[in-house]
């Protein structure tokens, strides 16, 4: 997931279906997110970038470092100040839905059914050739390209359905804090635990009023329930984000060795490391854990108040904003250090 200076945001999920996943190296979903953000200044242009790259280079390869092989197709939620799109893929084939009302989410399943606003030119013909669609009944992308019973999609258990329910519950009154509550929800499976831990979380405010800045909140740490959402605003000459930049390994990086990704270096950035150390230090001390979480929530509330003021007063102190995210990160690390050493 990520955002760019034009207010384009992209989220990405792993999906599987009838089309076989390619194990050979190609573009990963994470590559497509980065390239879309690098090259597009609107949501639809980002969609164009992604589908053009899919057509030219394909998708596939191992999405995990080390010995575990983990490959998948991808879905994307793409938004800017004015519009939003869902893009879902199966190999080089894809369908896109423009979001025009209500709420919309993606998770680990295809979810575009019969409302298809754009598509790969050969998508339906390929499905007919594979005998997934008879060419007569109404075309349903999720039902055709996966094994889903789309008639029951909104009542079956799982992250997609649970996420939709949580969004729909607050429809018409969703704030950035509502979104953070949803991302922190563990019973729904949105906030994942175990082997597939939620690694980091992001919430963006994209005002339609172009005089207001887009504000992006990032945790940069796993488990949003025990993390701080910190604001980031794109301004010129922004300070380097040293505490949330992963280390580089120059020529020793497994990315640069073939076959790729056969070893797993420690890519945790300083904030991530301190967060993990602090959680480990307070795990068996309920009182210390509560004090640390209270301090984290206090910091977060102060940041929210500051950002609400920016939006209400339409005033941006650029000299302060260049250091906004790095300063928030330092304040957060200070909380962790006090618990590691105490």
Protein backbone atom coordinates (compact mmCIF):
# COMPACT_ATOMS: atom_id res chain seq x y z
CA UNK A 1 0.00 0.00 0.00
CA UNK A 2 1.08 3.57 -0.45
CA UNK A 3 0.38 7.11 -1.60
CA UNK A 4 2.01 9.72 -3.80
CA UNK A 5 2.28 13.51 -3.95
CA UNK A 6 -0.78 13.76 -6.21
CA UNK A 7 -3.11 12.19 -3.65
CA UNK A 8 -3.24 8.82 -5.40
CA UNK A 9 -3.48 5.88 -2.96
CA UNK A 10 -3.24 2.18 -3.74
CA UNK A 11 -3.93 -0.83 -1.52
CA UNK A 12 -3.14 -4.38 -2.63
CA UNK A 13 -4.39 -7.82 -1.60
CA UNK A 14 -3.49 -11.38 -2.58
CA UNK A 15 -6.18 -13.32 -4.49
CA UNK A 16 -6.42 -16.80 -5.97
CA UNK A 17 -8.78 -18.40 -8.49
CA UNK A 18 -9.06 -20.79 -11.43
CA UNK A 19 -6.17 -19.26 -13.38
CA UNK A 20 -2.90 -20.88 -12.32
CA UNK A 21 -0.43 -18.70 -10.42
CA UNK A 22 2.89 -18.27 -12.22
CA UNK A 23 5.94 -19.25 -10.14
CA UNK A 24 8.37 -17.73 -12.64
CA UNK A 25 9.68 -14.28 -11.81
CA UNK A 26 7.55 -11.43 -13.12
CA UNK A 27 6.02 -8.38 -11.47
CA UNK A 28 4.70 -8.77 -7.93
CA UNK A 29 1.61 -6.94 -6.69
CA UNK A 30 3.93 -4.82 -4.54
CA UNK A 31 5.91 -3.84 -7.66
CA UNK A 32 2.70 -2.80 -9.39
CA UNK A 33 1.69 -0.65 -6.40
CA UNK A 34 5.01 1.18 -6.46
CA UNK A 35 5.04 1.66 -10.24
CA UNK A 36 1.44 2.89 -10.27
CA UNK A 37 2.27 5.47 -7.60
CA UNK A 38 5.49 6.51 -9.33
CA UNK A 39 3.86 7.12 -12.71
CA UNK A 40 0.28 8.32 -12.16
CA UNK A 41 -1.35 11.53 -10.97
CA UNK A 42 -4.93 10.17 -10.89
CA UNK A 43 -6.52 6.90 -9.79
CA UNK A 44 -7.54 5.91 -13.31
CA UNK A 45 -4.07 6.66 -14.68
CA UNK A 46 -2.63 4.37 -11.98
CA UNK A 47 -5.06 1.68 -13.12
CA UNK A 48 -3.83 2.18 -16.70
CA UNK A 49 -0.20 1.87 -15.60
CA UNK A 50 -0.88 -1.39 -13.75
CA UNK A 51 -2.88 -3.10 -16.54
CA UNK A 52 -0.35 -2.01 -19.19
CA UNK A 53 2.48 -3.52 -17.13
CA UNK A 54 0.45 -6.71 -16.59
CA UNK A 55 0.00 -7.05 -20.35
CA UNK A 56 3.68 -6.40 -21.08
CA UNK A 57 5.44 -8.27 -18.26
CA UNK A 58 2.84 -10.41 -16.48
CA UNK A 59 2.64 -11.10 -12.75
CA UNK A 60 4.12 -13.88 -10.69
CA UNK A 61 7.08 -15.14 -8.72
CA UNK A 62 7.68 -15.70 -5.04
CA UNK A 63 6.30 -12.94 -2.80
CA UNK A 64 8.28 -14.10 0.21
CA UNK A 65 11.98 -14.14 1.09
CA UNK A 66 13.57 -17.27 2.47
CA UNK A 67 12.52 -20.85 1.88
CA UNK A 68 8.75 -20.41 1.91
CA UNK A 69 7.20 -20.21 -1.56
CA UNK A 70 4.18 -17.94 -1.60
CA UNK A 71 2.68 -16.77 -4.90
CA UNK A 72 -0.64 -15.19 -5.82
CA UNK A 73 -2.59 -12.94 -8.17
CA UNK A 74 -3.54 -9.44 -7.06
CA UNK A 75 -6.43 -7.10 -6.41
CA UNK A 76 -6.08 -3.34 -5.95
CA UNK A 77 -8.08 -0.55 -4.37
CA UNK A 78 -7.07 2.69 -6.13
CA UNK A 79 -8.32 6.12 -5.05
CA UNK A 80 -7.65 9.84 -5.43
CA UNK A 81 -9.50 12.99 -4.31
CA UNK A 82 -12.25 12.51 -6.89
CA UNK A 83 -12.73 8.84 -7.68
CA UNK A 84 -11.98 5.25 -6.70
CA UNK A 85 -11.52 2.01 -8.60
CA UNK A 86 -11.33 -1.68 -7.75
CA UNK A 87 -9.00 -3.64 -10.04
CA UNK A 88 -8.88 -7.43 -9.81
CA UNK A 89 -6.63 -9.76 -11.78
CA UNK A 90 -6.15 -13.36 -12.83
CA UNK A 91 -2.84 -13.75 -14.63
CA UNK A 92 -2.86 -11.11 -17.38
CA UNK A 93 -6.67 -10.90 -17.36
CA UNK A 94 -8.44 -8.26 -15.32
CA UNK A 95 -11.67 -6.45 -14.55
CA UNK A 96 -12.16 -3.00 -13.01
CA UNK A 97 -15.11 -1.46 -11.22
CA UNK A 98 -15.53 2.26 -10.66
CA UNK A 99 -16.84 2.91 -7.14
CA UNK A 100 -19.71 5.38 -7.44
CA UNK A 101 -21.67 5.02 -4.20
CA UNK A 102 -21.72 3.45 -0.75
CA UNK A 103 -18.70 1.64 0.66
CA UNK A 104 -16.27 -0.77 -0.98
CA UNK A 105 -13.42 -2.98 0.23
CA UNK A 106 -11.10 -5.71 -1.02
CA UNK A 107 -9.68 -8.76 0.69
CA UNK A 108 -8.27 -12.16 -0.22
CA UNK A 109 -10.89 -13.03 -2.83
CA UNK A 110 -12.22 -11.73 -6.13
CA UNK A 111 -15.18 -9.42 -5.49
CA UNK A 112 -16.09 -7.78 -8.82
CA UNK A 113 -19.23 -9.52 -10.04
CA UNK A 114 -21.41 -8.11 -12.87
CA UNK A 115 -20.63 -4.38 -12.51
CA UNK A 116 -17.60 -4.19 -14.78
CA UNK A 117 -16.62 -0.75 -16.04
CA UNK A 118 -13.37 -1.71 -17.75
CA UNK A 119 -11.82 -5.07 -18.65
CA UNK A 120 -9.10 -6.91 -20.54
CA UNK A 121 -10.17 -7.14 -24.19
CA UNK A 122 -9.88 -10.94 -24.28
CA UNK A 123 -11.10 -11.71 -20.74
CA UNK A 124 -14.53 -13.11 -21.69
CA UNK A 125 -13.26 -15.02 -24.71
CA UNK A 126 -10.54 -16.67 -22.59
CA UNK A 127 -13.15 -17.72 -20.01
CA UNK A 128 -15.24 -19.31 -22.79
CA UNK A 129 -12.21 -21.18 -24.13
CA UNK A 130 -11.56 -22.57 -20.62
CA UNK A 131 -15.26 -23.54 -20.30
CA UNK A 132 -15.65 -21.32 -17.22
CA UNK A 133 -18.44 -19.32 -18.89
CA UNK A 134 -20.99 -20.41 -21.49
CA UNK A 135 -21.21 -17.02 -23.17
CA UNK A 136 -24.96 -16.83 -22.55
CA UNK A 137 -25.63 -16.01 -18.93
CA UNK A 138 -24.68 -12.62 -17.50
CA UNK A 139 -20.91 -12.44 -17.06
CA UNK A 140 -19.81 -12.46 -13.40
CA UNK A 141 -16.04 -11.95 -13.06
CA UNK A 142 -15.64 -13.37 -9.53
CA UNK A 143 -17.85 -16.39 -10.22
CA UNK A 144 -16.12 -17.09 -13.54
CA UNK A 145 -12.49 -16.63 -12.55
CA UNK A 146 -12.72 -18.13 -9.06
CA UNK A 147 -14.74 -20.79 -7.27
CA UNK A 148 -16.92 -18.30 -5.38
CA UNK A 149 -20.67 -18.56 -5.03
CA UNK A 150 -21.16 -14.83 -5.49
CA UNK A 151 -24.85 -15.05 -4.54
CA UNK A 152 -23.72 -15.79 -0.96
CA UNK A 153 -20.57 -13.65 -1.00
CA UNK A 154 -21.94 -11.01 1.36
CA UNK A 155 -23.09 -13.47 4.03
CA UNK A 156 -20.20 -15.96 4.07
CA UNK A 157 -17.64 -15.68 6.89
CA UNK A 158 -14.27 -14.20 6.01
CA UNK A 159 -12.34 -10.94 5.93
CA UNK A 160 -14.06 -9.56 2.83
CA UNK A 161 -17.57 -9.97 4.20
CA UNK A 162 -16.62 -8.86 7.72
CA UNK A 163 -14.80 -5.80 6.37
CA UNK A 164 -17.84 -4.83 4.32
CA UNK A 165 -20.11 -5.19 7.35
CA UNK A 166 -17.89 -2.93 9.47
CA UNK A 167 -17.78 -0.27 6.73
CA UNK A 168 -21.51 -0.52 6.03
CA UNK A 169 -22.30 -0.12 9.72
CA UNK A 170 -20.74 3.38 9.63
CA UNK A 171 -21.78 4.29 6.06
CA UNK A 172 -22.34 8.02 5.68
CA UNK A 173 -20.43 8.81 8.85
CA UNK A 174 -16.95 7.36 8.30
CA UNK A 175 -14.07 9.37 9.76
CA UNK A 176 -10.36 8.57 9.66
CA UNK A 177 -10.70 7.33 13.25
CA UNK A 178 -13.51 4.97 12.17
CA UNK A 179 -11.18 3.50 9.56
CA UNK A 180 -8.47 2.99 12.17
CA UNK A 181 -10.93 1.20 14.47
CA UNK A 182 -11.85 -1.14 11.61
CA UNK A 183 -8.17 -1.86 10.82
CA UNK A 184 -7.63 -2.64 14.51
CA UNK A 185 -10.53 -5.12 14.64
CA UNK A 186 -9.32 -8.64 15.46
CA UNK A 187 -12.60 -10.65 15.69
CA UNK A 188 -13.32 -9.84 12.02
CA UNK A 189 -9.88 -11.04 10.91
CA UNK A 190 -9.07 -7.59 9.48
CA UNK A 191 -6.27 -7.20 12.03
CA UNK A 192 -4.50 -10.50 11.43
CA UNK A 193 -2.50 -12.49 13.98
CA UNK A 194 -0.18 -15.48 13.80
CA UNK A 195 1.94 -16.43 10.77
CA UNK A 196 0.26 -13.79 8.59
CA UNK A 197 0.44 -10.88 10.99
CA UNK A 198 -0.84 -7.48 9.86
CA UNK A 199 2.54 -5.94 9.05
CA UNK A 200 1.58 -2.26 8.85
CA UNK A 201 -1.51 -0.10 8.38
CA UNK A 202 -2.44 3.08 6.52
CA UNK A 203 -5.42 5.45 6.47
CA UNK A 204 -5.65 8.46 4.13
CA UNK A 205 -7.78 11.60 4.15
CA UNK A 206 -8.31 12.76 0.54
CA UNK A 207 -10.29 16.03 0.62
CA UNK A 208 -12.17 16.91 -2.56
CA UNK A 209 -11.29 20.54 -1.80
CA UNK A 210 -7.89 20.85 -3.52
CA UNK A 211 -6.87 23.71 -1.21
CA UNK A 212 -6.65 21.19 1.61
CA UNK A 213 -3.73 18.75 1.89
CA UNK A 214 -4.08 14.99 1.65
CA UNK A 215 -3.08 13.49 5.00
CA UNK A 216 -1.78 9.93 5.17
CA UNK A 217 -1.51 8.09 8.49
CA UNK A 218 0.99 5.21 8.68
CA UNK A 219 1.85 2.88 11.56
CA UNK A 220 5.05 1.45 10.06
CA UNK A 221 4.74 -1.33 12.64
CA UNK A 222 2.71 -4.56 12.96
CA UNK A 223 -0.59 -4.98 14.85
CA UNK A 224 -2.39 -1.61 14.53
CA UNK A 225 -4.09 -2.24 17.88
CA UNK A 226 -0.67 -1.79 19.50
CA UNK A 227 0.74 0.81 17.08
CA UNK A 228 0.58 4.57 16.54
CA UNK A 229 -0.97 6.06 13.40
CA UNK A 230 1.37 8.92 12.45
CA UNK A 231 0.52 11.66 9.90
CA UNK A 232 2.48 12.31 6.73
CA UNK A 233 1.87 15.18 4.29
CA UNK A 234 3.72 15.61 1.01
CA UNK A 235 5.57 18.94 0.92
CA UNK A 236 8.79 19.99 -0.88
CA UNK A 237 12.15 19.34 0.82
CA UNK A 238 10.72 16.83 3.29
CA UNK A 239 13.16 15.46 5.87
CA UNK A 240 14.55 11.99 5.29
CA UNK A 241 12.57 9.24 6.98
CA UNK A 242 15.58 7.52 8.52
CA UNK A 243 13.75 5.77 11.37
CA UNK A 244 11.32 4.08 8.97
CA UNK A 245 13.73 3.23 6.14
CA UNK A 246 14.74 -0.41 5.85
CA UNK A 247 18.48 -1.10 5.76
CA UNK A 248 20.23 -1.62 2.44
CA UNK A 249 22.67 -4.45 1.86
CA UNK A 250 24.43 -3.28 -1.31
CA UNK A 251 25.86 -6.27 -3.22
CA UNK A 252 24.94 -8.71 -0.45
CA UNK A 253 21.20 -8.14 -0.92
CA UNK A 254 19.43 -11.41 -1.93
CA UNK A 255 17.45 -9.35 -4.46
CA UNK A 256 20.66 -8.94 -6.46
CA UNK A 257 21.63 -12.61 -6.34
CA UNK A 258 20.22 -15.31 -8.59
CA UNK A 259 18.15 -17.28 -7.86
CA UNK A 260 16.49 -14.41 -5.98
CA UNK A 261 15.08 -14.36 -2.45
CA UNK A 262 16.73 -17.58 -1.24
CA UNK A 263 17.88 -16.01 2.03
CA UNK A 264 16.08 -13.64 4.37
CA UNK A 265 18.04 -10.65 5.72
CA UNK A 266 16.73 -8.54 8.60
CA UNK A 267 14.96 -5.70 6.81
CA UNK A 268 13.36 -4.20 9.94
CA UNK A 269 13.82 -0.45 10.20
CA UNK A 270 14.70 1.24 13.55
CA UNK A 271 11.07 2.03 14.52
CA UNK A 272 9.99 -1.55 13.79
CA UNK A 273 12.84 -2.96 15.88
CA UNK A 274 12.14 -0.71 18.90
CA UNK A 275 8.40 -1.47 18.67
CA UNK A 276 9.08 -5.22 18.75
CA UNK A 277 11.58 -4.91 21.61
CA UNK A 278 9.19 -2.81 23.69
CA UNK A 279 6.25 -5.19 23.16
CA UNK A 280 8.51 -8.08 24.19
CA UNK A 281 9.60 -6.18 27.33
CA UNK A 282 6.03 -5.53 28.55
CA UNK A 283 4.38 -8.77 27.41
CA UNK A 284 4.39 -10.32 30.89
CA UNK A 285 3.80 -7.09 32.79
CA UNK A 286 0.20 -5.94 32.54
CA UNK A 287 0.80 -2.63 34.32
CA UNK A 288 3.78 -1.67 32.15
CA UNK A 289 1.89 -2.71 29.00
CA UNK A 290 -1.07 -0.51 29.95
CA UNK A 291 1.17 2.48 30.70
CA UNK A 292 2.96 2.11 27.37
CA UNK A 293 -0.29 1.78 25.41
CA UNK A 294 -1.76 4.79 27.23
CA UNK A 295 1.29 6.87 26.24
CA UNK A 296 0.97 5.67 22.64
CA UNK A 297 -2.73 6.60 22.56
CA UNK A 298 -1.98 9.99 24.08
CA UNK A 299 0.60 10.72 21.38
CA UNK A 300 -1.82 9.56 18.69
CA UNK A 301 -4.67 11.76 20.01
CA UNK A 302 -2.41 14.82 20.00
CA UNK A 303 -1.47 14.11 16.39
CA UNK A 304 -5.12 13.69 15.38
CA UNK A 305 -6.01 16.99 17.01
CA UNK A 306 -3.16 18.72 15.16
CA UNK A 307 -4.29 17.32 11.79
CA UNK A 308 -7.93 18.24 12.39
CA UNK A 309 -6.74 21.79 13.03
CA UNK A 310 -4.85 21.79 9.70
CA UNK A 311 -8.03 20.75 7.86
CA UNK A 312 -10.33 23.17 9.70
CA UNK A 313 -8.07 26.23 9.51
CA UNK A 314 -6.76 25.50 6.01
CA UNK A 315 -3.32 26.52 7.23
CA UNK A 316 -0.21 24.46 6.66
CA UNK A 317 3.03 25.40 8.40
CA UNK A 318 5.34 23.93 5.74
CA UNK A 319 8.47 24.46 7.87
CA UNK A 320 6.91 22.24 10.54
CA UNK A 321 5.40 19.72 8.13
CA UNK A 322 8.80 18.84 6.59
CA UNK A 323 9.69 17.26 9.95
CA UNK A 324 6.20 16.06 10.89
CA UNK A 325 6.53 12.31 10.30
CA UNK A 326 10.19 12.00 11.41
CA UNK A 327 9.38 13.89 14.65
CA UNK A 328 6.32 11.70 15.34
CA UNK A 329 8.50 8.63 14.86
CA UNK A 330 11.15 9.94 17.27
CA UNK A 331 8.44 10.64 19.89
CA UNK A 332 7.12 7.11 19.45
CA UNK A 333 10.58 5.54 19.72
CA UNK A 334 11.13 7.52 22.95
CA UNK A 335 8.07 5.77 24.45
CA UNK A 336 9.47 2.37 23.46
CA UNK A 337 12.96 3.08 24.75
CA UNK A 338 11.63 4.07 28.18
CA UNK A 339 9.98 0.63 28.43
CA UNK A 340 12.93 -1.32 27.09
CA UNK A 341 15.32 0.22 29.63
CA UNK A 342 12.96 0.38 32.64
